[in-house]
C-alpha atoms as a PDB file:
ATOM      1  CA  MET A   1      25.699-148.437  74.852  1.00  0.00           C
ATOM      2  CA  ASP A   2      28.488-146.743  76.677  1.00  0.00           C
ATOM      3  CA  LEU A   3      29.341-143.026  76.130  1.00  0.00           C
ATOM      4  CA  VAL A   4      32.087-143.546  73.561  1.00  0.00           C
ATOM      5  CA  GLU A   5      29.894-145.680  71.475  1.00  0.00           C
ATOM      6  CA  TYR A   6      27.019-143.244  71.749  1.00  0.00           C
ATOM      7  CA  ILE A   7      29.272-140.371  70.654  1.00  0.00           C
ATOM      8  CA  LEU A   8      30.627-142.315  67.676  1.00  0.00           C
ATOM      9  CA  SER A   9      27.078-143.278  66.653  1.00  0.00           C
ATOM     10  CA  GLU A  10      25.695-139.791  66.919  1.00  0.00           C
ATOM     11  CA  THR A  11      28.649-138.244  65.013  1.00  0.00           C
ATOM     12  CA  ALA A  12      28.943-140.981  62.341  1.00  0.00           C
ATOM     13  CA  TRP A  13      27.136-138.831  59.754  1.00  0.00           C
ATOM     14  CA  LEU A  14      30.037-136.249  59.952  1.00  0.00           C
ATOM     15  CA  TYR A  15      32.470-138.764  58.522  1.00  0.00           C
ATOM     16  CA  THR A  16      30.544-138.928  55.182  1.00  0.00           C
ATOM     17  CA  LYS A  17      33.091-138.332  52.464  1.00  0.00           C
ATOM     18  CA  ILE A  18      32.628-135.484  49.997  1.00  0.00           C
ATOM     19  CA  TYR A  19      35.897-135.469  48.031  1.00  0.00           C
ATOM     20  CA  GLN A  20      39.314-136.941  48.307  1.00  0.00           C
ATOM     21  CA  ASN A  21      42.618-136.736  46.356  1.00  0.00           C
ATOM     22  CA  LYS A  22      46.346-137.352  47.061  1.00  0.00           C
ATOM     23  CA  LEU A  23      46.564-134.140  49.098  1.00  0.00           C
ATOM     24  CA  PHE A  24      43.208-133.433  50.632  1.00  0.00           C
ATOM     25  CA  PHE A  25      40.380-135.263  52.243  1.00  0.00           C
ATOM     26  CA  PHE A  26      36.967-133.518  52.549  1.00  0.00           C
ATOM     27  CA  ASP A  27      34.111-134.892  54.638  1.00  0.00           C
ATOM     28  CA  LEU A  28      31.322-133.224  56.605  1.00  0.00           C
ATOM     29  CA  TRP A  29      33.733-132.661  59.432  1.00  0.00           C
ATOM     30  CA  SER A  30      35.481-130.341  57.027  1.00  0.00           C
ATOM     31  CA  LEU A  31      32.395-128.082  56.950  1.00  0.00           C
ATOM     32  CA  VAL A  32      32.386-128.055  60.705  1.00  0.00           C
ATOM     33  CA  HIS A  33      35.958-126.954  60.687  1.00  0.00           C
ATOM     34  CA  LEU A  34      35.152-124.268  58.199  1.00  0.00           C
ATOM     35  CA  TRP A  35      32.295-122.957  60.356  1.00  0.00           C
ATOM     36  CA  SER A  36      34.400-123.206  63.552  1.00  0.00           C
ATOM     37  CA  GLY A  37      37.151-121.141  61.930  1.00  0.00           C
ATOM     38  CA  PHE A  38      34.675-118.494  61.048  1.00  0.00           C
ATOM     39  CA  MET A  39      33.066-118.364  64.493  1.00  0.00           C
ATOM     40  CA  LEU A  40      36.256-118.675  66.445  1.00  0.00           C
ATOM     41  CA  TYR A  41      37.917-115.736  64.631  1.00  0.00           C
ATOM     42  CA  LEU A  42      34.728-113.672  65.345  1.00  0.00           C
ATOM     43  CA  LEU A  43      34.868-114.732  69.093  1.00  0.00           C
ATOM     44  CA  ILE A  44      38.582-113.772  69.303  1.00  0.00           C
ATOM     45  CA  ARG A  45      38.003-110.402  67.687  1.00  0.00           C
ATOM     46  CA  ALA A  46      35.023-109.768  69.993  1.00  0.00           C
ATOM     47  CA  ALA A  47      37.115-110.614  72.981  1.00  0.00           C
ATOM     48  CA  ARG A  48      39.737-108.118  71.572  1.00  0.00           C
ATOM     49  CA  ILE A  49      42.584-110.574  71.824  1.00  0.00           C
ATOM     50  CA  LYS A  50      45.765-109.335  70.073  1.00  0.00           C
ATOM     51  CA  ARG A  51      47.079-111.312  66.972  1.00  0.00           C
ATOM     52  CA  PRO A  52      43.781-113.087  66.348  1.00  0.00           C
ATOM     53  CA  MET A  53      44.966-115.127  63.332  1.00  0.00           C
ATOM     54  CA  THR A  54      47.952-116.479  65.334  1.00  0.00           C
ATOM     55  CA  VAL A  55      45.756-117.337  68.301  1.00  0.00           C
ATOM     56  CA  LEU A  56      43.345-119.130  65.985  1.00  0.00           C
ATOM     57  CA  ALA A  57      45.984-121.166  64.277  1.00  0.00           C
ATOM     58  CA  SER A  58      47.267-122.297  67.552  1.00  0.00           C
ATOM     59  CA  ILE A  59      43.793-123.390  68.653  1.00  0.00           C
ATOM     60  CA  LEU A  60      43.202-125.415  65.466  1.00  0.00           C
ATOM     61  CA  ALA A  61      46.678-127.064  65.862  1.00  0.00           C
ATOM     62  CA  LEU A  62      45.954-127.902  69.488  1.00  0.00           C
ATOM     63  CA  TYR A  63      42.584-129.391  68.579  1.00  0.00           C
ATOM     64  CA  GLU A  64      44.303-131.810  66.169  1.00  0.00           C
ATOM     65  CA  ILE A  65      46.863-132.746  68.753  1.00  0.00           C
ATOM     66  CA  LEU A  66      44.085-133.491  71.311  1.00  0.00           C
ATOM     67  CA  GLU A  67      42.373-135.690  68.733  1.00  0.00           C
ATOM     68  CA  ILE A  68      45.602-137.744  68.353  1.00  0.00           C
ATOM     69  CA  LEU A  69      46.010-137.922  72.277  1.00  0.00           C
ATOM     70  CA  PHE A  70      42.450-139.134  72.627  1.00  0.00           C
ATOM     71  CA  ILE A  71      43.085-141.979  70.181  1.00  0.00           C
ATOM     72  CA  TYR A  72      46.527-142.753  71.671  1.00  0.00           C
ATOM     73  CA  PHE A  73      44.997-143.136  75.162  1.00  0.00           C
ATOM     74  CA  ALA A  74      42.211-145.344  73.760  1.00  0.00           C
ATOM     75  CA  PHE A  75      39.382-142.800  74.471  1.00  0.00           C
ATOM     76  CA  MET A  76      38.072-143.392  70.914  1.00  0.00           C
ATOM     77  CA  ILE A  77      35.477-140.658  70.611  1.00  0.00           C
ATOM     78  CA  PHE A  78      37.150-139.730  67.300  1.00  0.00           C
ATOM     79  CA  ARG A  79      37.869-142.081  64.414  1.00  0.00           C
ATOM     80  CA  PRO A  80      41.548-142.318  63.499  1.00  0.00           C
ATOM     81  CA  GLU A  81      42.561-139.728  60.934  1.00  0.00           C
ATOM     82  CA  THR A  82      45.327-139.605  58.238  1.00  0.00           C
ATOM     83  CA  ILE A  83      47.822-136.749  57.993  1.00  0.00           C
ATOM     84  CA  LYS A  84      46.053-135.268  54.918  1.00  0.00           C
ATOM     85  CA  ASP A  85      42.767-135.232  56.805  1.00  0.00           C
ATOM     86  CA  GLN A  86      44.355-133.298  59.723  1.00  0.00           C
ATOM     87  CA  VAL A  87      46.050-130.862  57.259  1.00  0.00           C
ATOM     88  CA  THR A  88      42.662-130.377  55.579  1.00  0.00           C
ATOM     89  CA  ASP A  89      40.996-129.641  58.965  1.00  0.00           C
ATOM     90  CA  ILE A  90      43.497-126.985  59.834  1.00  0.00           C
ATOM     91  CA  LEU A  91      43.215-125.440  56.266  1.00  0.00           C
ATOM     92  CA  MET A  92      39.492-125.366  56.335  1.00  0.00           C
ATOM     93  CA  GLY A  93      39.599-123.678  59.793  1.00  0.00           C
ATOM     94  CA  MET A  94      41.958-120.999  58.432  1.00  0.00           C
ATOM     95  CA  VAL A  95      39.755-120.524  55.286  1.00  0.00           C
ATOM     96  CA  GLY A  96      36.777-119.965  57.618  1.00  0.00           C
ATOM     97  CA  ALA A  97      38.802-117.475  59.715  1.00  0.00           C
ATOM     98  CA  THR A  98      39.795-115.582  56.520  1.00  0.00           C
ATOM     99  CA  ALA A  99      36.167-115.516  55.456  1.00  0.00           C
ATOM    100  CA  SER A 100      35.261-114.040  58.880  1.00  0.00           C
ATOM    101  CA  TYR A 101      38.032-111.375  58.599  1.00  0.00           C
ATOM    102  CA  LEU A 102      36.711-110.398  55.016  1.00  0.00           C
ATOM    103  CA  PHE A 103      33.231-110.304  56.270  1.00  0.00           C
ATOM    104  CA  LEU A 104      34.085-107.835  59.059  1.00  0.00           C
ATOM    105  CA  GLU A 105      36.036-105.725  56.574  1.00  0.00           C
ATOM    106  CA  ALA A 106      32.976-105.775  54.310  1.00  0.00           C
ATOM    107  CA  VAL A 107      30.733-104.597  57.165  1.00  0.00           C
ATOM    108  CA  ILE A 108      33.069-101.659  57.694  1.00  0.00           C
ATOM    109  CA  LYS A 109      33.166-100.561  54.093  1.00  0.00           C
ATOM    110  CA  PHE A 110      29.859-101.527  52.585  1.00  0.00           C
ATOM    111  CA  ASN A 111      27.226-101.835  55.404  1.00  0.00           C
ATOM    112  CA  ILE A 112      25.163 -98.780  54.509  1.00  0.00           C
ATOM    113  CA  ARG A 113      25.355 -99.120  50.799  1.00  0.00           C
ATOM    114  CA  TYR A 114      24.853-102.893  50.654  1.00  0.00           C
ATOM    115  CA  SER A 115      23.159-103.394  54.042  1.00  0.00           C
ATOM    116  CA  LYS A 116      20.560-105.851  52.560  1.00  0.00           C
ATOM    117  CA  VAL A 117      23.272-108.124  51.087  1.00  0.00           C
ATOM    118  CA  ILE A 118      25.128-108.138  54.457  1.00  0.00           C
ATOM    119  CA  MET A 119      21.978-108.873  56.287  1.00  0.00           C
ATOM    120  CA  ALA A 120      21.096-111.595  53.996  1.00  0.00           C
ATOM    121  CA  PHE A 121      24.544-113.197  54.464  1.00  0.00           C
ATOM    122  CA  ILE A 122      24.153-113.057  58.299  1.00  0.00           C
ATOM    123  CA  ILE A 123      20.729-114.604  58.149  1.00  0.00           C
ATOM    124  CA  PHE A 124      21.854-117.313  55.741  1.00  0.00           C
ATOM    125  CA  VAL A 125      24.909-118.235  57.917  1.00  0.00           C
ATOM    126  CA  VAL A 126      22.612-118.433  61.040  1.00  0.00           C
ATOM    127  CA  SER A 127      19.758-120.454  59.294  1.00  0.00           C
ATOM    128  CA  SER A 128      22.145-122.959  57.528  1.00  0.00           C
ATOM    129  CA  SER A 129      24.165-123.444  60.732  1.00  0.00           C
ATOM    130  CA  TYR A 130      20.994-124.311  62.570  1.00  0.00           C
ATOM    131  CA  ALA A 131      19.828-126.520  59.808  1.00  0.00           C
ATOM    132  CA  PHE A 132      23.189-128.308  59.462  1.00  0.00           C
ATOM    133  CA  PHE A 133      23.396-129.389  63.045  1.00  0.00           C
ATOM    134  CA  TRP A 134      19.771-130.078  63.772  1.00  0.00           C
ATOM    135  CA  VAL A 135      19.223-132.075  60.552  1.00  0.00           C
ATOM    136  CA  GLY A 136      22.504-133.963  60.838  1.00  0.00           C
ATOM    137  CA  PHE A 137      22.075-135.001  64.497  1.00  0.00           C
ATOM    138  CA  TYR A 138      18.352-135.905  64.145  1.00  0.00           C
ATOM    139  CA  HIS A 139      19.176-138.263  61.256  1.00  0.00           C
ATOM    140  CA  TYR A 140      16.125-137.573  59.036  1.00  0.00           C
ATOM    141  CA  ARG A 141      15.021-140.371  56.788  1.00  0.00           C
ATOM    142  CA  TYR A 142      11.852-140.551  54.617  1.00  0.00           C
ATOM    143  CA  ASN A 143       9.765-143.308  53.133  1.00  0.00           C
ATOM    144  CA  VAL A 144      10.356-141.855  49.657  1.00  0.00           C
ATOM    145  CA  GLU A 145      14.045-142.710  48.754  1.00  0.00           C
ATOM    146  CA  ILE A 146      14.538-139.701  46.489  1.00  0.00           C
ATOM    147  CA  TYR A 147      14.416-137.472  49.677  1.00  0.00           C
ATOM    148  CA  ASN A 148      17.247-139.405  51.363  1.00  0.00           C
ATOM    149  CA  THR A 149      20.914-138.640  50.991  1.00  0.00           C
ATOM    150  CA  PRO A 150      23.875-140.038  52.851  1.00  0.00           C
ATOM    151  CA  GLY A 151      25.222-138.277  55.864  1.00  0.00           C
ATOM    152  CA  LEU A 152      23.264-135.069  55.794  1.00  0.00           C
ATOM    153  CA  ASN A 153      19.661-135.151  54.399  1.00  0.00           C
ATOM    154  CA  LEU A 154      20.029-132.381  51.844  1.00  0.00           C
ATOM    155  CA  SER A 155      16.260-131.932  51.175  1.00  0.00           C
ATOM    156  CA  THR A 156      15.537-131.346  54.801  1.00  0.00           C
ATOM    157  CA  PHE A 157      18.703-129.260  55.257  1.00  0.00           C
ATOM    158  CA  SER A 158      17.443-126.971  52.394  1.00  0.00           C
ATOM    159  CA  ALA A 159      14.026-126.779  53.801  1.00  0.00           C
ATOM    160  CA  TRP A 160      15.204-125.849  57.347  1.00  0.00           C
ATOM    161  CA  THR A 161      17.659-123.312  55.847  1.00  0.00           C
ATOM    162  CA  MET A 162      14.716-121.649  54.033  1.00  0.00           C
ATOM    163  CA  GLY A 163      12.512-121.886  57.095  1.00  0.00           C
ATOM    164  CA  GLY A 164      15.193-120.325  59.254  1.00  0.00           C
ATOM    165  CA  MET A 165      15.524-117.447  56.779  1.00  0.00           C
ATOM    166  CA  PHE A 166      11.735-117.070  56.769  1.00  0.00           C
ATOM    167  CA  ILE A 167      11.708-116.762  60.567  1.00  0.00           C
ATOM    168  CA  LEU A 168      14.466-114.097  60.719  1.00  0.00           C
ATOM    169  CA  TYR A 169      13.151-112.017  57.835  1.00  0.00           C
ATOM    170  CA  ILE A 170       9.685-112.050  59.448  1.00  0.00           C
ATOM    171  CA  PHE A 171      11.167-110.967  62.760  1.00  0.00           C
ATOM    172  CA  ARG A 172      13.041-108.245  60.978  1.00  0.00           C
ATOM    173  CA  LEU A 173       9.999-107.111  59.041  1.00  0.00           C
ATOM    174  CA  PHE A 174       8.162-106.205  62.198  1.00  0.00           C
ATOM    175  CA  TRP A 175      11.153-104.291  63.890  1.00  0.00           C
ATOM    176  CA  ARG A 176       8.896-101.424  64.814  1.00  0.00           C
ATOM    177  CA  ILE A 177       6.828-103.649  67.050  1.00  0.00           C
ATOM    178  CA  ARG A 178       7.755-104.232  70.672  1.00  0.00           C
ATOM    179  CA  PHE A 179      10.027-107.217  71.151  1.00  0.00           C
ATOM    180  CA  PRO A 180       7.584-109.616  72.909  1.00  0.00           C
ATOM    181  CA  TYR A 181       4.872-109.000  70.467  1.00  0.00           C
ATOM    182  CA  ARG A 182       7.263-109.359  67.531  1.00  0.00           C
ATOM    183  CA  LEU A 183       8.569-112.595  68.870  1.00  0.00           C
ATOM    184  CA  GLY A 184       5.005-114.030  69.370  1.00  0.00           C
ATOM    185  CA  LEU A 185       3.823-112.861  65.901  1.00  0.00           C
ATOM    186  CA  THR A 186       7.010-114.412  64.353  1.00  0.00           C
ATOM    187  CA  TRP A 187       6.324-117.747  66.074  1.00  0.00           C
ATOM    188  CA  LEU A 188       2.674-117.763  65.105  1.00  0.00           C
ATOM    189  CA  LEU A 189       3.364-117.138  61.357  1.00  0.00           C
ATOM    190  CA  PHE A 190       6.228-119.758  61.504  1.00  0.00           C
ATOM    191  CA  PHE A 191       3.923-122.305  63.080  1.00  0.00           C
ATOM    192  CA  ILE A 192       1.039-121.699  60.532  1.00  0.00           C
ATOM    193  CA  ALA A 193       3.580-122.110  57.691  1.00  0.00           C
ATOM    194  CA  LEU A 194       4.888-125.262  59.365  1.00  0.00           C
ATOM    195  CA  LEU A 195       1.374-126.754  59.533  1.00  0.00           C
ATOM    196  CA  ALA A 196       0.715-125.932  55.918  1.00  0.00           C
ATOM    197  CA  PHE A 197       4.161-127.521  54.889  1.00  0.00           C
ATOM    198  CA  GLU A 198       3.398-130.610  56.956  1.00  0.00           C
ATOM    199  CA  TYR A 199      -0.083-131.008  55.459  1.00  0.00           C
ATOM    200  CA  THR A 200       1.210-130.783  51.946  1.00  0.00           C
ATOM    201  CA  TYR A 201       3.934-133.306  52.465  1.00  0.00           C
ATOM    202  CA  TYR A 202       2.221-135.742  54.727  1.00  0.00           C
ATOM    203  CA  TYR A 203      -1.184-135.883  53.210  1.00  0.00           C
ATOM    204  CA  ILE A 204      -0.924-134.725  49.655  1.00  0.00           C
ATOM    205  CA  LEU A 205       2.568-135.953  48.625  1.00  0.00           C
ATOM    206  CA  GLU A 206       2.539-138.786  51.174  1.00  0.00           C
ATOM    207  CA  VAL A 207       6.120-138.231  52.213  1.00  0.00           C
ATOM    208  CA  ARG A 208       6.645-139.449  55.763  1.00  0.00           C
ATOM    209  CA  GLU A 209       9.490-138.993  58.086  1.00  0.00           C
ATOM    210  CA  SER A 210      10.571-142.419  59.434  1.00  0.00           C
ATOM    211  CA  SER A 211      13.908-141.941  61.301  1.00  0.00           C
ATOM    212  CA  GLY A 212      12.443-142.317  64.797  1.00  0.00           C
ATOM    213  CA  TYR A 213       9.622-144.308  66.417  1.00  0.00           C
ATOM    214  CA  PRO A 214       6.955-143.807  67.696  1.00  0.00           C
ATOM    215  CA  LEU A 215       5.999-140.906  65.426  1.00  0.00           C
ATOM    216  CA  LYS A 216       2.987-139.068  66.876  1.00  0.00           C
ATOM    217  CA  PRO A 217       1.343-135.848  65.578  1.00  0.00           C
ATOM    218  CA  LEU A 218       1.835-132.731  67.571  1.00  0.00           C
ATOM    219  CA  ILE A 219      -1.508-131.010  66.878  1.00  0.00           C
ATOM    220  CA  PHE A 220      -4.365-131.281  64.322  1.00  0.00           C
ATOM    221  CA  GLY A 221      -3.015-134.621  63.109  1.00  0.00           C
ATOM    222  CA  LEU A 222       0.094-132.819  61.881  1.00  0.00           C
ATOM    223  CA  ILE A 223       3.825-132.529  62.560  1.00  0.00           C
ATOM    224  CA  HIS A 224       4.521-136.280  62.970  1.00  0.00           C
ATOM    225  CA  GLY A 225       7.680-137.121  64.900  1.00  0.00           C
ATOM    226  CA  THR A 226       9.272-137.860  68.152  1.00  0.00           C
ATOM    227  CA  ARG A 227       9.090-135.748  71.298  1.00  0.00           C
ATOM    228  CA  THR A 228      12.586-134.426  70.493  1.00  0.00           C
ATOM    229  CA  LEU A 229      11.358-133.338  67.136  1.00  0.00           C
ATOM    230  CA  HIS A 230       8.313-131.586  68.522  1.00  0.00           C
ATOM    231  CA  VAL A 231      10.331-129.667  71.116  1.00  0.00           C
ATOM    232  CA  PHE A 232      12.915-128.482  68.493  1.00  0.00           C
ATOM    233  CA  TYR A 233      10.096-127.397  66.078  1.00  0.00           C
ATOM    234  CA  ILE A 234       8.401-125.432  68.818  1.00  0.00           C
ATOM    235  CA  MET A 235      11.542-123.794  69.999  1.00  0.00           C
ATOM    236  CA  ALA A 236      13.077-123.162  66.437  1.00  0.00           C
ATOM    237  CA  PRO A 237      12.119-119.502  66.255  1.00  0.00           C
ATOM    238  CA  PHE A 238      13.513-118.693  69.660  1.00  0.00           C
ATOM    239  CA  ILE A 239      16.770-120.587  68.978  1.00  0.00           C
ATOM    240  CA  LEU A 240      17.267-118.849  65.683  1.00  0.00           C
ATOM    241  CA  ILE A 241      16.531-115.474  66.896  1.00  0.00           C
ATOM    242  CA  GLY A 242      18.807-115.977  69.945  1.00  0.00           C
ATOM    243  CA  VAL A 243      21.644-117.162  67.752  1.00  0.00           C
ATOM    244  CA  TYR A 244      21.092-114.203  65.477  1.00  0.00           C
ATOM    245  CA  GLU A 245      21.137-111.717  68.351  1.00  0.00           C
ATOM    246  CA  LEU A 246      24.347-113.367  69.638  1.00  0.00           C
ATOM    247  CA  GLY A 247      25.933-113.011  66.190  1.00  0.00           C
ATOM    248  CA  ILE A 248      24.947-109.380  65.993  1.00  0.00           C
ATOM    249  CA  PHE A 249      26.462-108.773  69.381  1.00  0.00           C
ATOM    250  CA  LEU A 250      29.715-110.416  68.397  1.00  0.00           C
ATOM    251  CA  ILE A 251      29.936-108.481  65.099  1.00  0.00           C
ATOM    252  CA  ASN A 252      29.296-105.135  66.861  1.00  0.00           C
ATOM    253  CA  ARG A 253      31.681-105.837  69.652  1.00  0.00           C
ATOM    254  CA  SER A 254      34.384-106.886  67.145  1.00  0.00           C
ATOM    255  CA  LEU A 255      33.988-103.534  65.311  1.00  0.00           C
ATOM    256  CA  ARG A 256      33.346-101.499  68.549  1.00  0.00           C
ATOM    257  CA  ILE A 257      30.203 -99.852  67.139  1.00  0.00           C
ATOM    258  CA  PRO A 258      26.564-100.861  66.563  1.00  0.00           C
ATOM    259  CA  ALA A 259      27.243-101.711  62.894  1.00  0.00           C
ATOM    260  CA  ILE A 260      24.265-104.074  62.517  1.00  0.00           C
ATOM    261  CA  THR A 261      20.829-103.350  64.015  1.00  0.00           C
ATOM    262  CA  TRP A 262      17.362-104.576  63.457  1.00  0.00           C
ATOM    263  CA  ASN A 263      16.400-101.194  61.977  1.00  0.00           C
ATOM    264  CA  PRO A 264      16.859-101.469  58.209  1.00  0.00           C
ATOM    265  CA  GLU A 265      16.905 -97.687  57.858  1.00  0.00           C
ATOM    266  CA  PRO A 266      20.343 -96.378  58.708  1.00  0.00           C
ATOM    267  CA  SER A 267      20.283 -93.480  61.059  1.00  0.00           C
ATOM    268  CA  PRO A 268      22.467 -90.335  60.477  1.00  0.00           C
ATOM    269  CA  GLU A 269      24.588 -91.263  63.543  1.00  0.00           C
ATOM    270  CA  ARG A 270      25.467 -94.756  62.035  1.00  0.00           C
ATOM    271  CA  VAL A 271      26.345 -93.124  58.745  1.00  0.00           C
ATOM    272  CA  LYS A 272      28.657 -90.633  60.452  1.00  0.00           C
ATOM    273  CA  SER A 273      30.315 -93.413  62.516  1.00  0.00           C
ATOM    274  CA  PHE A 274      31.003 -95.385  59.388  1.00  0.00           C
ATOM    275  CA  SER A 275      32.346 -92.312  57.680  1.00  0.00           C
ATOM    276  CA  ARG A 276      34.777 -91.773  60.550  1.00  0.00           C
ATOM    277  CA  ALA A 277      35.803 -95.427  60.057  1.00  0.00           C
ATOM    278  CA  GLY A 278      36.890 -94.682  56.528  1.00  0.00           C
ATOM    279  CA  GLY A 279      34.236 -96.858  54.948  1.00  0.00           C
ATOM    280  CA  ASN A 280      32.710 -96.212  51.484  1.00  0.00           C
ATOM    281  CA  LEU A 281      29.590 -94.761  52.978  1.00  0.00           C
ATOM    282  CA  ALA A 282      29.609 -90.973  52.929  1.00  0.00           C
ATOM    283  CA  ARG A 283      29.429 -88.910  49.709  1.00  0.00           C
ATOM    284  CA  THR A 284      28.939 -85.433  51.308  1.00  0.00           C
ATOM    285  CA  SER A 285      31.544 -82.968  52.499  1.00  0.00           C
ATOM    286  CA  GLU A 286      29.820 -82.788  55.853  1.00  0.00           C
ATOM    287  CA  LEU A 287      30.257 -86.543  56.555  1.00  0.00           C
ATOM    288  CA  ALA A 288      33.691 -86.614  54.937  1.00  0.00           C
ATOM    289  CA  GLN A 289      34.845 -83.931  57.360  1.00  0.00           C
ATOM    290  CA  SER A 290      33.582 -85.652  60.516  1.00  0.00           C
ATOM    291  CA  GLY A 291      37.032 -87.106  61.342  1.00  0.00           C
ATOM    292  CA  GLY A 292      38.131 -89.757  63.802  1.00  0.00           C
ATOM    293  CA  ARG A 293      38.206 -93.571  63.665  1.00  0.00           C
ATOM    294  CA  ASN A 294      35.744 -95.665  65.719  1.00  0.00           C
ATOM    295  CA  LEU A 295      36.142 -98.991  64.094  1.00  0.00           C
ATOM    296  CA  GLU A 296      39.124-101.364  63.806  1.00  0.00           C
ATOM    297  CA  PRO A 297      39.474-102.338  60.101  1.00  0.00           C
ATOM    298  CA  GLY A 298      42.459-104.511  59.096  1.00  0.00           C
ATOM    299  CA  THR A 299      42.960-106.406  62.398  1.00  0.00           C
ATOM    300  CA  TRP A 300      44.405-109.497  60.612  1.00  0.00           C
ATOM    301  CA  ASN A 301      47.208-110.768  62.756  1.00  0.00           C
END
């Protein structure tokens, strides 16, 4: 199998159709474009590039042009697309960018009052992103047909999303502990939970993963899978925490202030900083009179 055939084979699941009408065409690629728009806007804001929405729209349009050029020059790493498919891709990218903009505005205005909600959203985005790409590219399939869905295996996607949220919430719970010990404790609790989950499904429910062979247990006769699966399962907490930390860095850099931290208890300094930004955070005259503006709300275009 040459490189082009390999890429087409590995990305075939992304072409699974979700919905189609006369104007729009939605497949799993549409979700990738939604996610890309969200992340690209965050990166552009973090890089402090002027007119971020204009820059983002240009990038999305350029990507669609490159897709056409690849097909035209017979480098068929993408399947041919219709006009409505390309329009949908750009639209989904812009929707993702708008969501990113609104999220940053929400952080400015509501981070202290609704910090748990904002943290839950960040953790969900990180966990579901990891689950989407890992589950999609591994091509999970089970011996019990009810657990199988076309394109993206929804049962495993849901399980990994919840697992990712478990990892990040555990890591956040032990925020007072030194980083290396917190990381080790989080990994240990995740691995114990993974063994319990595997035992329940493999031996009690008799649900077996069958997408790759040979499937060997990792330890204690549990966690059956390929070497690739074993590596990703062992590394999952480190990958998720690393991606989370990167996301926090980009958010804080976009807003030019440590708006999000692992400490769930907002310090007086953070409250004052948000008050100076004009957010709905301060209700005392002392904070209201602090003055200045350290954030950059409203950077739309």
